[in-house]
């Protein structure tokens, strides 16, 4: 099932997307998408609604240096344990919304990533049970002010600006995330081309590790890390991240 959050003629709602291409329909879900969806009976053609960020998490937990080749391109070692950091909920935007490039930074990078969406309140989840607490998977761009990341010595500011966490276009609940193609394009030029099978710390391990540190709430998002090929974007450019079995997340870059 593809779960989305939409703006429709009557307001904002969660929805399920059925069908493909021009025939795709959006079926409104009452209240929230967790558990068995309760459909209202309202539906619209996909072309008649606007896709928003598919979830508004209480927190986004990101994992650094989780592809060996990405760690190497910056001269870093792969950590023995997952290296986690927080992106604020206010950094989240949806498909086609603009990434605002702050004046404080001279280099803002794209980072295409597979994102895990948690489906229930959990704490201390063993890796063997991780799949049962995951609602589904979406696409993320862990936008990073690279110069501030280096100068600050920590990542809170560099990763936390408003609009620095595009998510979307929807949450796919029926995909196996273990070996998916991930491709990032900047103005149509391929910059990242990898597979999720190359994750150093796999998704069950990440869920176990993160939930051992903090309680995860329904809708919380874990960003699993980015492969090699990250690079800067400038105002007027467009970033598109495609993950096999999920879809494509596209966002333009604009000066703040």
Protein backbone atom coordinates (compact mmCIF):
# COMPACT_ATOMS: atom_id res chain seq x y z
CA UNK A 1 0.00 0.00 0.00
CA UNK A 2 1.15 3.54 -0.80
CA UNK A 3 0.24 5.86 2.06
CA UNK A 4 0.30 9.59 1.38
CA UNK A 5 -0.63 12.85 3.02
CA UNK A 6 -2.48 15.15 0.66
CA UNK A 7 -3.99 18.58 0.28
CA UNK A 8 -7.40 18.13 -1.39
CA UNK A 9 -10.28 20.50 -2.15
CA UNK A 10 -11.65 20.12 1.39
CA UNK A 11 -8.44 20.27 3.41
CA UNK A 12 -5.58 17.94 4.39
CA UNK A 13 -5.81 14.20 4.97
CA UNK A 14 -3.97 10.91 4.88
CA UNK A 15 -4.79 8.74 1.89
CA UNK A 16 -4.00 5.55 0.02
CA UNK A 17 -2.94 5.73 -3.61
CA UNK A 18 -4.25 3.07 -5.96
CA UNK A 19 -3.41 2.57 -9.61
CA UNK A 20 -0.64 4.00 -11.74
CA UNK A 21 -0.06 7.00 -13.99
CA UNK A 22 -3.04 8.99 -15.15
CA UNK A 23 -5.46 6.42 -13.73
CA UNK A 24 -4.16 6.69 -10.14
CA UNK A 25 -6.81 7.41 -7.52
CA UNK A 26 -6.42 8.80 -4.00
CA UNK A 27 -8.65 7.27 -1.30
CA UNK A 28 -9.04 9.37 1.84
CA UNK A 29 -8.18 7.77 5.20
CA UNK A 30 -9.92 8.94 8.35
CA UNK A 31 -7.70 10.20 11.18
CA UNK A 32 -4.29 8.49 10.82
CA UNK A 33 -2.59 5.79 8.70
CA UNK A 34 -1.45 3.53 11.57
CA UNK A 35 -3.03 0.11 11.95
CA UNK A 36 -5.84 -0.90 9.60
CA UNK A 37 -6.84 2.16 7.53
CA UNK A 38 -10.38 3.46 7.97
CA UNK A 39 -11.48 4.86 4.61
CA UNK A 40 -14.00 7.71 4.44
CA UNK A 41 -15.30 6.86 0.98
CA UNK A 42 -13.96 10.08 -0.55
CA UNK A 43 -11.64 9.77 -3.52
CA UNK A 44 -9.99 11.98 -6.11
CA UNK A 45 -7.75 11.53 -9.14
CA UNK A 46 -4.13 11.85 -8.05
CA UNK A 47 -3.76 14.77 -10.46
CA UNK A 48 -6.38 16.73 -8.49
CA UNK A 49 -4.57 16.68 -5.14
CA UNK A 50 -1.18 17.91 -3.90
CA UNK A 51 1.21 15.51 -2.24
CA UNK A 52 2.60 16.75 1.09
CA UNK A 53 5.28 15.23 3.30
CA UNK A 54 3.78 11.76 3.87
CA UNK A 55 4.28 12.00 7.63
CA UNK A 56 5.01 14.71 10.21
CA UNK A 57 7.36 12.96 12.65
CA UNK A 58 8.01 13.98 16.23
CA UNK A 59 11.68 13.51 15.37
CA UNK A 60 13.94 12.44 12.54
CA UNK A 61 16.89 10.26 13.54
CA UNK A 62 19.59 10.18 10.89
CA UNK A 63 22.53 7.81 10.56
CA UNK A 64 25.92 9.08 9.44
CA UNK A 65 28.60 7.23 7.46
CA UNK A 66 26.48 4.14 6.85
CA UNK A 67 27.83 3.45 3.35
CA UNK A 68 31.54 2.65 3.32
CA UNK A 69 32.15 4.46 0.03
CA UNK A 70 30.50 7.64 1.33
CA UNK A 71 32.62 7.57 4.48
CA UNK A 72 35.71 7.10 2.32
CA UNK A 73 34.91 10.03 0.00
CA UNK A 74 35.25 12.35 3.02
CA UNK A 75 38.24 10.50 4.45
CA UNK A 76 36.30 9.02 7.37
CA UNK A 77 36.21 5.60 8.95
CA UNK A 78 32.98 3.60 9.23
CA UNK A 79 31.93 3.66 12.90
CA UNK A 80 31.59 0.33 14.67
CA UNK A 81 28.19 1.40 16.05
CA UNK A 82 25.63 3.46 14.14
CA UNK A 83 26.42 7.16 14.40
CA UNK A 84 23.12 8.95 14.94
CA UNK A 85 22.02 12.57 15.02
CA UNK A 86 18.69 14.40 15.12
CA UNK A 87 17.07 16.55 12.46
CA UNK A 88 14.21 18.69 13.83
CA UNK A 89 10.64 18.07 12.73
CA UNK A 90 10.59 21.62 11.34
CA UNK A 91 13.13 20.57 8.70
CA UNK A 92 10.55 18.30 7.01
CA UNK A 93 8.99 19.32 3.70
CA UNK A 94 7.18 17.35 1.01
CA UNK A 95 7.59 16.64 -2.70
CA UNK A 96 8.19 19.64 -4.98
CA UNK A 97 8.55 22.02 -2.03
CA UNK A 98 11.61 24.24 -2.21
CA UNK A 99 14.82 23.55 -0.32
CA UNK A 100 15.78 26.99 1.00
CA UNK A 101 19.52 27.61 0.85
CA UNK A 102 20.51 29.72 3.89
CA UNK A 103 22.73 32.75 3.49
CA UNK A 104 24.91 31.42 6.35
CA UNK A 105 26.22 28.59 4.17
CA UNK A 106 28.28 28.66 0.99
CA UNK A 107 27.84 24.93 0.29
CA UNK A 108 24.60 22.99 0.73
CA UNK A 109 24.72 19.33 -0.31
CA UNK A 110 22.05 16.82 -1.34
CA UNK A 111 22.11 13.35 0.25
CA UNK A 112 19.66 10.76 -1.11
CA UNK A 113 18.54 8.20 1.46
CA UNK A 114 16.08 5.43 2.21
CA UNK A 115 13.89 6.41 5.18
CA UNK A 116 12.17 4.08 7.65
CA UNK A 117 8.81 5.16 9.11
CA UNK A 118 7.93 3.73 12.52
CA UNK A 119 4.37 2.48 13.00
CA UNK A 120 3.89 2.18 16.78
CA UNK A 121 5.36 3.40 20.09
CA UNK A 122 8.43 1.26 20.79
CA UNK A 123 11.44 1.02 23.07
CA UNK A 124 14.27 -1.53 23.10
CA UNK A 125 13.12 -3.42 20.00
CA UNK A 126 15.33 -6.43 19.13
CA UNK A 127 16.50 -6.59 15.54
CA UNK A 128 14.56 -9.84 15.09
CA UNK A 129 11.30 -7.91 15.68
CA UNK A 130 12.15 -4.69 13.88
CA UNK A 131 10.04 -5.40 10.79
CA UNK A 132 6.89 -5.66 12.93
CA UNK A 133 7.20 -2.07 14.18
CA UNK A 134 7.86 -0.45 10.78
CA UNK A 135 4.94 1.17 8.97
CA UNK A 136 6.82 1.44 5.69
CA UNK A 137 9.53 3.19 3.72
CA UNK A 138 9.88 6.52 1.97
CA UNK A 139 12.60 8.64 0.35
CA UNK A 140 14.56 11.37 2.11
CA UNK A 141 17.06 14.06 1.23
CA UNK A 142 19.35 14.69 4.21
CA UNK A 143 20.22 18.22 3.11
CA UNK A 144 23.48 19.37 4.73
CA UNK A 145 25.28 22.69 4.98
CA UNK A 146 28.68 21.09 4.48
CA UNK A 147 30.80 24.10 5.38
CA UNK A 148 28.91 24.66 8.66
CA UNK A 149 29.14 20.96 9.44
CA UNK A 150 32.92 21.28 9.24
CA UNK A 151 33.28 24.62 11.01
CA UNK A 152 30.86 23.91 13.86
CA UNK A 153 32.36 20.54 14.78
CA UNK A 154 28.87 19.15 15.31
CA UNK A 155 25.91 18.78 12.99
CA UNK A 156 22.91 20.40 14.66
CA UNK A 157 22.95 23.61 12.66
CA UNK A 158 24.29 22.13 9.43
CA UNK A 159 21.53 19.50 9.27
CA UNK A 160 18.73 21.37 11.01
CA UNK A 161 17.71 24.33 8.87
CA UNK A 162 14.06 24.58 7.86
CA UNK A 163 13.43 22.60 4.62
CA UNK A 164 16.53 20.42 5.13
CA UNK A 165 14.57 17.13 5.26
CA UNK A 166 12.42 16.55 2.17
CA UNK A 167 10.35 13.35 2.51
CA UNK A 168 8.11 11.58 0.01
CA UNK A 169 6.43 11.13 -2.28
CA UNK A 170 4.58 8.57 -0.14
CA UNK A 171 5.18 5.67 2.26
CA UNK A 172 5.40 2.25 0.63
CA UNK A 173 4.35 -0.50 3.07
CA UNK A 174 4.96 -3.54 0.85
CA UNK A 175 8.57 -3.21 -0.28
CA UNK A 176 11.56 -5.31 0.83
CA UNK A 177 14.21 -2.68 1.68
CA UNK A 178 17.20 -5.01 1.76
CA UNK A 179 18.44 -4.48 -1.82
CA UNK A 180 16.89 -1.52 -3.62
CA UNK A 181 18.49 0.67 -6.25
CA UNK A 182 19.00 4.29 -5.09
CA UNK A 183 19.75 7.04 -7.61
CA UNK A 184 20.09 10.79 -7.14
CA UNK A 185 20.01 13.21 -10.07
CA UNK A 186 20.88 16.91 -10.07
CA UNK A 187 19.23 18.66 -13.03
CA UNK A 188 18.94 15.24 -14.70
CA UNK A 189 22.61 14.28 -14.20
CA UNK A 190 23.14 11.14 -12.10
CA UNK A 191 25.22 11.92 -9.00
CA UNK A 192 24.50 8.94 -6.72
CA UNK A 193 23.92 5.39 -7.97
CA UNK A 194 23.99 2.65 -5.34
CA UNK A 195 21.96 -0.03 -3.58
CA UNK A 196 20.60 -0.38 -0.07
CA UNK A 197 22.31 -3.77 0.19
CA UNK A 198 25.51 -1.77 0.75
CA UNK A 199 24.28 -0.30 4.05
CA UNK A 200 26.90 -1.08 6.70
CA UNK A 201 24.37 -1.22 9.56
CA UNK A 202 21.21 -2.85 8.23
CA UNK A 203 17.70 -1.64 8.99
CA UNK A 204 16.88 -4.16 11.77
CA UNK A 205 20.14 -3.24 13.50
CA UNK A 206 19.34 0.47 13.18
CA UNK A 207 15.88 0.05 14.70
CA UNK A 208 17.35 -1.94 17.59
CA UNK A 209 20.12 0.60 18.18
CA UNK A 210 17.96 3.73 17.97
CA UNK A 211 15.11 2.30 20.05
CA UNK A 212 17.68 1.36 22.68
CA UNK A 213 18.56 5.04 22.98
CA UNK A 214 15.14 6.69 22.77
CA UNK A 215 11.45 5.87 22.57
CA UNK A 216 10.21 5.91 18.99
CA UNK A 217 6.70 7.17 18.36
CA UNK A 218 4.34 6.44 15.46
CA UNK A 219 5.51 8.42 12.45
CA UNK A 220 9.07 8.89 13.63
CA UNK A 221 11.57 8.57 10.80
CA UNK A 222 14.99 6.93 10.67
CA UNK A 223 17.22 8.04 7.79
CA UNK A 224 19.48 5.10 6.96
CA UNK A 225 22.46 6.97 5.47
CA UNK A 226 23.58 8.15 2.05
CA UNK A 227 25.88 6.51 -0.51
CA UNK A 228 28.83 8.14 -2.23
CA UNK A 229 28.35 10.92 -4.74
CA UNK A 230 26.92 13.68 -2.54
CA UNK A 231 27.58 17.19 -3.73
CA UNK A 232 26.46 20.82 -3.71
CA UNK A 233 23.34 22.30 -5.21
CA UNK A 234 22.69 25.91 -6.07
CA UNK A 235 19.58 28.04 -6.38
CA UNK A 236 17.62 27.13 -9.48
CA UNK A 237 18.75 23.51 -9.56
CA UNK A 238 16.51 20.50 -8.96
CA UNK A 239 17.28 17.31 -7.06
CA UNK A 240 15.45 14.04 -7.78
CA UNK A 241 15.99 10.91 -5.70
CA UNK A 242 14.58 7.62 -6.97
CA UNK A 243 14.42 4.42 -4.94
CA UNK A 244 13.35 1.19 -6.59
CA UNK A 245 9.90 0.04 -5.48
CA UNK A 246 9.01 3.38 -3.89
CA UNK A 247 9.13 6.23 -6.40
CA UNK A 248 10.84 9.58 -6.93
CA UNK A 249 11.19 12.56 -4.61
CA UNK A 250 11.90 15.85 -6.41
CA UNK A 251 12.65 19.24 -4.86
CA UNK A 252 13.98 22.49 -6.32
CA UNK A 253 16.63 24.55 -4.53
CA UNK A 254 16.00 28.25 -3.87
CA UNK A 255 17.81 31.02 -2.03
CA UNK A 256 16.26 31.50 1.40
